[in-house]
Amino acid sequence: DCLKQAGLNPKDYAKAVPQPKKVGG
């Protein structure tokens, strides 16, 4: 909602993010 208020397109800020890395062990 705040992005829209600023005149930005929320879809431009919806990219996938990296999943947390698992160290294992």
PDB file of all heavy atoms in Angstrom:
ATOM      1  N   ASP A   1       0.835  -1.198   0.000  1.00  0.00           N
ATOM      2  CA  ASP A   1       0.000   0.000   0.000  1.00  0.00           C
ATOM      3  C   ASP A   1       0.872   1.251   0.000  1.00  0.00           C
ATOM      4  O   ASP A   1       0.610   2.221  -0.732  1.00  0.00           O
ATOM      5  CB  ASP A   1      -0.910  -0.023   1.225  1.00  0.00           C
ATOM      6  CG  ASP A   1      -1.992   1.049   1.181  1.00  0.00           C
ATOM      7  OD1 ASP A   1      -1.735   2.139   0.653  1.00  0.00           O
ATOM      8  OD2 ASP A   1      -3.096   0.792   1.693  1.00  0.00           O
ATOM      9  N   CYS A   2       1.929   1.239   0.814  1.00  0.00           N
ATOM     10  CA  CYS A   2       2.833   2.401   0.878  1.00  0.00           C
ATOM     11  C   CYS A   2       3.548   2.617  -0.449  1.00  0.00           C
ATOM     12  O   CYS A   2       3.792   3.764  -0.858  1.00  0.00           O
ATOM     13  CB  CYS A   2       3.847   2.197   2.001  1.00  0.00           C
ATOM     14  SG  CYS A   2       3.140   2.309   3.667  1.00  0.00           S
ATOM     15  N   LEU A   3       3.899   1.520  -1.121  1.00  0.00           N
ATOM     16  CA  LEU A   3       4.540   1.640  -2.431  1.00  0.00           C
ATOM     17  C   LEU A   3       3.612   2.340  -3.419  1.00  0.00           C
ATOM     18  O   LEU A   3       4.038   3.199  -4.204  1.00  0.00           O
ATOM     19  CB  LEU A   3       4.927   0.248  -2.952  1.00  0.00           C
ATOM     20  CG  LEU A   3       6.077  -0.455  -2.222  1.00  0.00           C
ATOM     21  CD1 LEU A   3       6.207  -1.895  -2.698  1.00  0.00           C
ATOM     22  CD2 LEU A   3       7.386   0.289  -2.429  1.00  0.00           C
ATOM     23  N   LYS A   4       2.340   1.978  -3.381  1.00  0.00           N
ATOM     24  CA  LYS A   4       1.356   2.620  -4.256  1.00  0.00           C
ATOM     25  C   LYS A   4       1.243   4.102  -3.948  1.00  0.00           C
ATOM     26  O   LYS A   4       1.152   4.935  -4.862  1.00  0.00           O
ATOM     27  CB  LYS A   4      -0.012   1.948  -4.101  1.00  0.00           C
ATOM     28  CG  LYS A   4      -0.094   0.537  -4.644  1.00  0.00           C
ATOM     29  CD  LYS A   4      -1.487  -0.034  -4.428  1.00  0.00           C
ATOM     30  CE  LYS A   4      -1.591  -1.467  -4.936  1.00  0.00           C
ATOM     31  NZ  LYS A   4      -2.952  -2.031  -4.675  1.00  0.00           N
ATOM     32  N   GLN A   5       1.249   4.441  -2.659  1.00  0.00           N
ATOM     33  CA  GLN A   5       1.148   5.849  -2.265  1.00  0.00           C
ATOM     34  C   GLN A   5       2.318   6.663  -2.813  1.00  0.00           C
ATOM     35  O   GLN A   5       2.181   7.847  -3.135  1.00  0.00           O
ATOM     36  CB  GLN A   5       1.118   5.963  -0.737  1.00  0.00           C
ATOM     37  CG  GLN A   5      -0.111   5.386  -0.072  1.00  0.00           C
ATOM     38  CD  GLN A   5      -0.028   5.510   1.442  1.00  0.00           C
ATOM     39  OE1 GLN A   5       0.368   6.546   1.973  1.00  0.00           O
ATOM     40  NE2 GLN A   5      -0.407   4.454   2.149  1.00  0.00           N
ATOM     41  N   ALA A   6       3.471   5.988  -2.937  1.00  0.00           N
ATOM     42  CA  ALA A   6       4.667   6.674  -3.435  1.00  0.00           C
ATOM     43  C   ALA A   6       4.718   6.723  -4.959  1.00  0.00           C
ATOM     44  O   ALA A   6       5.659   7.269  -5.534  1.00  0.00           O
ATOM     45  CB  ALA A   6       5.915   5.976  -2.901  1.00  0.00           C
ATOM     46  N   GLY A   7       3.699   6.135  -5.593  1.00  0.00           N
ATOM     47  CA  GLY A   7       3.667   6.132  -7.043  1.00  0.00           C
ATOM     48  C   GLY A   7       4.429   4.989  -7.671  1.00  0.00           C
ATOM     49  O   GLY A   7       4.738   5.013  -8.873  1.00  0.00           O
ATOM     50  N   LEU A   8       4.774   3.978  -6.875  1.00  0.00           N
ATOM     51  CA  LEU A   8       5.515   2.821  -7.368  1.00  0.00           C
ATOM     52  C   LEU A   8       4.575   1.650  -7.612  1.00  0.00           C
ATOM     53  O   LEU A   8       3.504   1.566  -7.004  1.00  0.00           O
ATOM     54  CB  LEU A   8       6.598   2.422  -6.365  1.00  0.00           C
ATOM     55  CG  LEU A   8       7.681   3.470  -6.113  1.00  0.00           C
ATOM     56  CD1 LEU A   8       8.561   3.076  -4.939  1.00  0.00           C
ATOM     57  CD2 LEU A   8       8.538   3.663  -7.366  1.00  0.00           C
ATOM     58  N   ASN A   9       4.993   0.749  -8.468  1.00  0.00           N
ATOM     59  CA  ASN A   9       4.206  -0.444  -8.774  1.00  0.00           C
ATOM     60  C   ASN A   9       4.653  -1.589  -7.864  1.00  0.00           C
ATOM     61  O   ASN A   9       5.798  -2.049  -7.959  1.00  0.00           O
ATOM     62  CB  ASN A   9       4.410  -0.835 -10.238  1.00  0.00           C
ATOM     63  CG  ASN A   9       3.492  -1.980 -10.648  1.00  0.00           C
ATOM     64  OD1 ASN A   9       2.845  -2.608  -9.820  1.00  0.00           O
ATOM     65  ND2 ASN A   9       3.440  -2.254 -11.942  1.00  0.00           N
ATOM     66  N   PRO A  10       3.787  -2.074  -6.971  1.00  0.00           N
ATOM     67  CA  PRO A  10       4.166  -3.155  -6.050  1.00  0.00           C
ATOM     68  C   PRO A  10       4.701  -4.391  -6.759  1.00  0.00           C
ATOM     69  O   PRO A  10       5.514  -5.130  -6.197  1.00  0.00           O
ATOM     70  CB  PRO A  10       2.852  -3.463  -5.321  1.00  0.00           C
ATOM     71  CG  PRO A  10       2.093  -2.187  -5.376  1.00  0.00           C
ATOM     72  CD  PRO A  10       2.416  -1.602  -6.722  1.00  0.00           C
ATOM     73  N   LYS A  11       4.265  -4.630  -8.009  1.00  0.00           N
ATOM     74  CA  LYS A  11       4.740  -5.797  -8.755  1.00  0.00           C
ATOM     75  C   LYS A  11       6.235  -5.712  -9.039  1.00  0.00           C
ATOM     76  O   LYS A  11       6.905  -6.739  -9.218  1.00  0.00           O
ATOM     77  CB  LYS A  11       3.965  -5.936 -10.061  1.00  0.00           C
ATOM     78  CG  LYS A  11       2.504  -6.316  -9.877  1.00  0.00           C
ATOM     79  CD  LYS A  11       1.809  -6.498 -11.220  1.00  0.00           C
ATOM     80  CE  LYS A  11       0.339  -6.903 -11.019  1.00  0.00           C
ATOM     81  NZ  LYS A  11      -0.355  -7.080 -12.320  1.00  0.00           N
ATOM     82  N   ASP A  12       6.754  -4.487  -9.076  1.00  0.00           N
ATOM     83  CA  ASP A  12       8.189  -4.317  -9.309  1.00  0.00           C
ATOM     84  C   ASP A  12       8.996  -4.654  -8.060  1.00  0.00           C
ATOM     85  O   ASP A  12      10.233  -4.721  -8.106  1.00  0.00           O
ATOM     86  CB  ASP A  12       8.499  -2.881  -9.726  1.00  0.00           C
ATOM     87  CG  ASP A  12       7.895  -2.538 -11.093  1.00  0.00           C
ATOM     88  OD1 ASP A  12       7.660  -3.478 -11.875  1.00  0.00           O
ATOM     89  OD2 ASP A  12       7.642  -1.332 -11.348  1.00  0.00           O
ATOM     90  N   TYR A  13       8.302  -4.847  -6.958  1.00  0.00           N
ATOM     91  CA  TYR A  13       8.953  -5.158  -5.681  1.00  0.00           C
ATOM     92  C   TYR A  13       8.408  -6.484  -5.133  1.00  0.00           C
ATOM     93  O   TYR A  13       8.077  -6.607  -3.963  1.00  0.00           O
ATOM     94  CB  TYR A  13       8.716  -4.027  -4.675  1.00  0.00           C
ATOM     95  CG  TYR A  13       9.291  -2.708  -5.115  1.00  0.00           C
ATOM     96  CD1 TYR A  13       8.594  -1.886  -5.999  1.00  0.00           C
ATOM     97  CD2 TYR A  13      10.553  -2.293  -4.679  1.00  0.00           C
ATOM     98  CE1 TYR A  13       9.128  -0.681  -6.434  1.00  0.00           C
ATOM     99  CE2 TYR A  13      11.085  -1.085  -5.103  1.00  0.00           C
ATOM    100  CZ  TYR A  13      10.377  -0.289  -5.983  1.00  0.00           C
ATOM    101  OH  TYR A  13      10.922   0.898  -6.399  1.00  0.00           O
ATOM    102  N   ALA A  14       8.321  -7.446  -6.021  1.00  0.00           N
ATOM    103  CA  ALA A  14       7.767  -8.744  -5.635  1.00  0.00           C
ATOM    104  C   ALA A  14       8.616  -9.901  -6.163  1.00  0.00           C
ATOM    105  O   ALA A  14       8.120 -11.006  -6.373  1.00  0.00           O
ATOM    106  CB  ALA A  14       6.330  -8.871  -6.150  1.00  0.00           C
ATOM    107  N   LYS A  15       9.898  -9.639  -6.356  1.00  0.00           N
ATOM    108  CA  LYS A  15      10.775 -10.690  -6.875  1.00  0.00           C
ATOM    109  C   LYS A  15      10.974 -11.782  -5.810  1.00  0.00           C
ATOM    110  O   LYS A  15      10.889 -11.528  -4.609  1.00  0.00           O
ATOM    111  CB  LYS A  15      12.125 -10.117  -7.280  1.00  0.00           C
ATOM    112  CG  LYS A  15      12.926  -9.540  -6.111  1.00  0.00           C
ATOM    113  CD  LYS A  15      14.259  -8.970  -6.574  1.00  0.00           C
ATOM    114  CE  LYS A  15      15.041  -8.400  -5.373  1.00  0.00           C
ATOM    115  NZ  LYS A  15      16.344  -7.838  -5.773  1.00  0.00           N
ATOM    116  N   ALA A  16      11.235 -12.990  -6.263  1.00  0.00           N
ATOM    117  CA  ALA A  16      11.496 -14.097  -5.345  1.00  0.00           C
ATOM    118  C   ALA A  16      12.807 -13.859  -4.614  1.00  0.00           C
ATOM    119  O   ALA A  16      13.757 -13.298  -5.178  1.00  0.00           O
ATOM    120  CB  ALA A  16      11.552 -15.410  -6.120  1.00  0.00           C
ATOM    121  N   VAL A  17      12.866 -14.265  -3.367  1.00  0.00           N
ATOM    122  CA  VAL A  17      14.078 -14.076  -2.563  1.00  0.00           C
ATOM    123  C   VAL A  17      14.739 -15.431  -2.320  1.00  0.00           C
ATOM    124  O   VAL A  17      14.082 -16.473  -2.373  1.00  0.00           O
ATOM    125  CB  VAL A  17      13.747 -13.397  -1.217  1.00  0.00           C
ATOM    126  CG1 VAL A  17      13.057 -12.070  -1.445  1.00  0.00           C
ATOM    127  CG2 VAL A  17      12.872 -14.305  -0.352  1.00  0.00           C
ATOM    128  N   PRO A  18      16.032 -15.451  -2.032  1.00  0.00           N
ATOM    129  CA  PRO A  18      16.741 -16.710  -1.783  1.00  0.00           C
ATOM    130  C   PRO A  18      16.195 -17.427  -0.547  1.00  0.00           C
ATOM    131  O   PRO A  18      15.803 -16.784   0.437  1.00  0.00           O
ATOM    132  CB  PRO A  18      18.195 -16.268  -1.562  1.00  0.00           C
ATOM    133  CG  PRO A  18      18.281 -14.912  -2.171  1.00  0.00           C
ATOM    134  CD  PRO A  18      16.937 -14.292  -1.993  1.00  0.00           C
ATOM    135  N   GLN A  19      16.137 -18.733  -0.615  1.00  0.00           N
ATOM    136  CA  GLN A  19      15.710 -19.517   0.531  1.00  0.00           C
ATOM    137  C   GLN A  19      16.852 -19.623   1.535  1.00  0.00           C
ATOM    138  O   GLN A  19      18.035 -19.602   1.153  1.00  0.00           O
ATOM    139  CB  GLN A  19      15.274 -20.920   0.088  1.00  0.00           C
ATOM    140  CG  GLN A  19      14.029 -20.927  -0.794  1.00  0.00           C
ATOM    141  CD  GLN A  19      12.828 -20.341  -0.074  1.00  0.00           C
ATOM    142  OE1 GLN A  19      12.518 -20.700   1.057  1.00  0.00           O
ATOM    143  NE2 GLN A  19      12.146 -19.406  -0.733  1.00  0.00           N
ATOM    144  N   PRO A  20      16.527 -19.720   2.833  1.00  0.00           N
ATOM    145  CA  PRO A  20      17.579 -19.827   3.852  1.00  0.00           C
ATOM    146  C   PRO A  20      18.482 -21.028   3.584  1.00  0.00           C
ATOM    147  O   PRO A  20      17.998 -22.106   3.236  1.00  0.00           O
ATOM    148  CB  PRO A  20      16.786 -20.006   5.154  1.00  0.00           C
ATOM    149  CG  PRO A  20      15.441 -19.425   4.864  1.00  0.00           C
ATOM    150  CD  PRO A  20      15.176 -19.725   3.423  1.00  0.00           C
ATOM    151  N   LYS A  21      19.769 -20.832   3.734  1.00  0.00           N
ATOM    152  CA  LYS A  21      20.713 -21.921   3.508  1.00  0.00           C
ATOM    153  C   LYS A  21      20.733 -22.886   4.691  1.00  0.00           C
ATOM    154  O   LYS A  21      20.664 -22.473   5.844  1.00  0.00           O
ATOM    155  CB  LYS A  21      22.117 -21.351   3.281  1.00  0.00           C
ATOM    156  CG  LYS A  21      22.266 -20.578   1.987  1.00  0.00           C
ATOM    157  CD  LYS A  21      23.699 -20.104   1.798  1.00  0.00           C
ATOM    158  CE  LYS A  21      23.844 -19.357   0.475  1.00  0.00           C
ATOM    159  NZ  LYS A  21      25.253 -18.889   0.268  1.00  0.00           N
ATOM    160  N   LYS A  22      20.815 -24.157   4.393  1.00  0.00           N
ATOM    161  CA  LYS A  22      20.886 -25.194   5.414  1.00  0.00           C
ATOM    162  C   LYS A  22      22.322 -25.713   5.482  1.00  0.00           C
ATOM    163  O   LYS A  22      22.861 -26.205   4.488  1.00  0.00           O
ATOM    164  CB  LYS A  22      19.932 -26.346   5.079  1.00  0.00           C
ATOM    165  CG  LYS A  22      18.478 -25.923   4.929  1.00  0.00           C
ATOM    166  CD  LYS A  22      17.875 -25.459   6.242  1.00  0.00           C
ATOM    167  CE  LYS A  22      16.384 -25.159   6.092  1.00  0.00           C
ATOM    168  NZ  LYS A  22      15.776 -24.697   7.354  1.00  0.00           N
ATOM    169  N   VAL A  23      22.927 -25.601   6.642  1.00  0.00           N
ATOM    170  CA  VAL A  23      24.318 -26.029   6.780  1.00  0.00           C
ATOM    171  C   VAL A  23      24.425 -27.537   6.942  1.00  0.00           C
ATOM    172  O   VAL A  23      25.426 -28.149   6.575  1.00  0.00           O
ATOM    173  CB  VAL A  23      24.993 -25.323   7.978  1.00  0.00           C
ATOM    174  CG1 VAL A  23      25.050 -23.833   7.743  1.00  0.00           C
ATOM    175  CG2 VAL A  23      24.257 -25.628   9.284  1.00  0.00           C
ATOM    176  N   GLY A  24      23.390 -28.155   7.516  1.00  0.00           N
ATOM    177  CA  GLY A  24      23.397 -29.600   7.698  1.00  0.00           C
ATOM    178  C   GLY A  24      24.373 -30.036   8.773  1.00  0.00           C
ATOM    179  O   GLY A  24      24.934 -29.230   9.516  1.00  0.00           O
ATOM    180  N   GLY A  25      24.567 -31.345   8.876  1.00  0.00           N
ATOM    181  CA  GLY A  25      25.469 -31.877   9.891  1.00  0.00           C
ATOM    182  C   GLY A  25      24.708 -32.565  11.011  1.00  0.00           C
ATOM    183  O   GLY A  25      23.480 -32.534  11.070  1.00  0.00           O
TER     184      GLY A  25
END
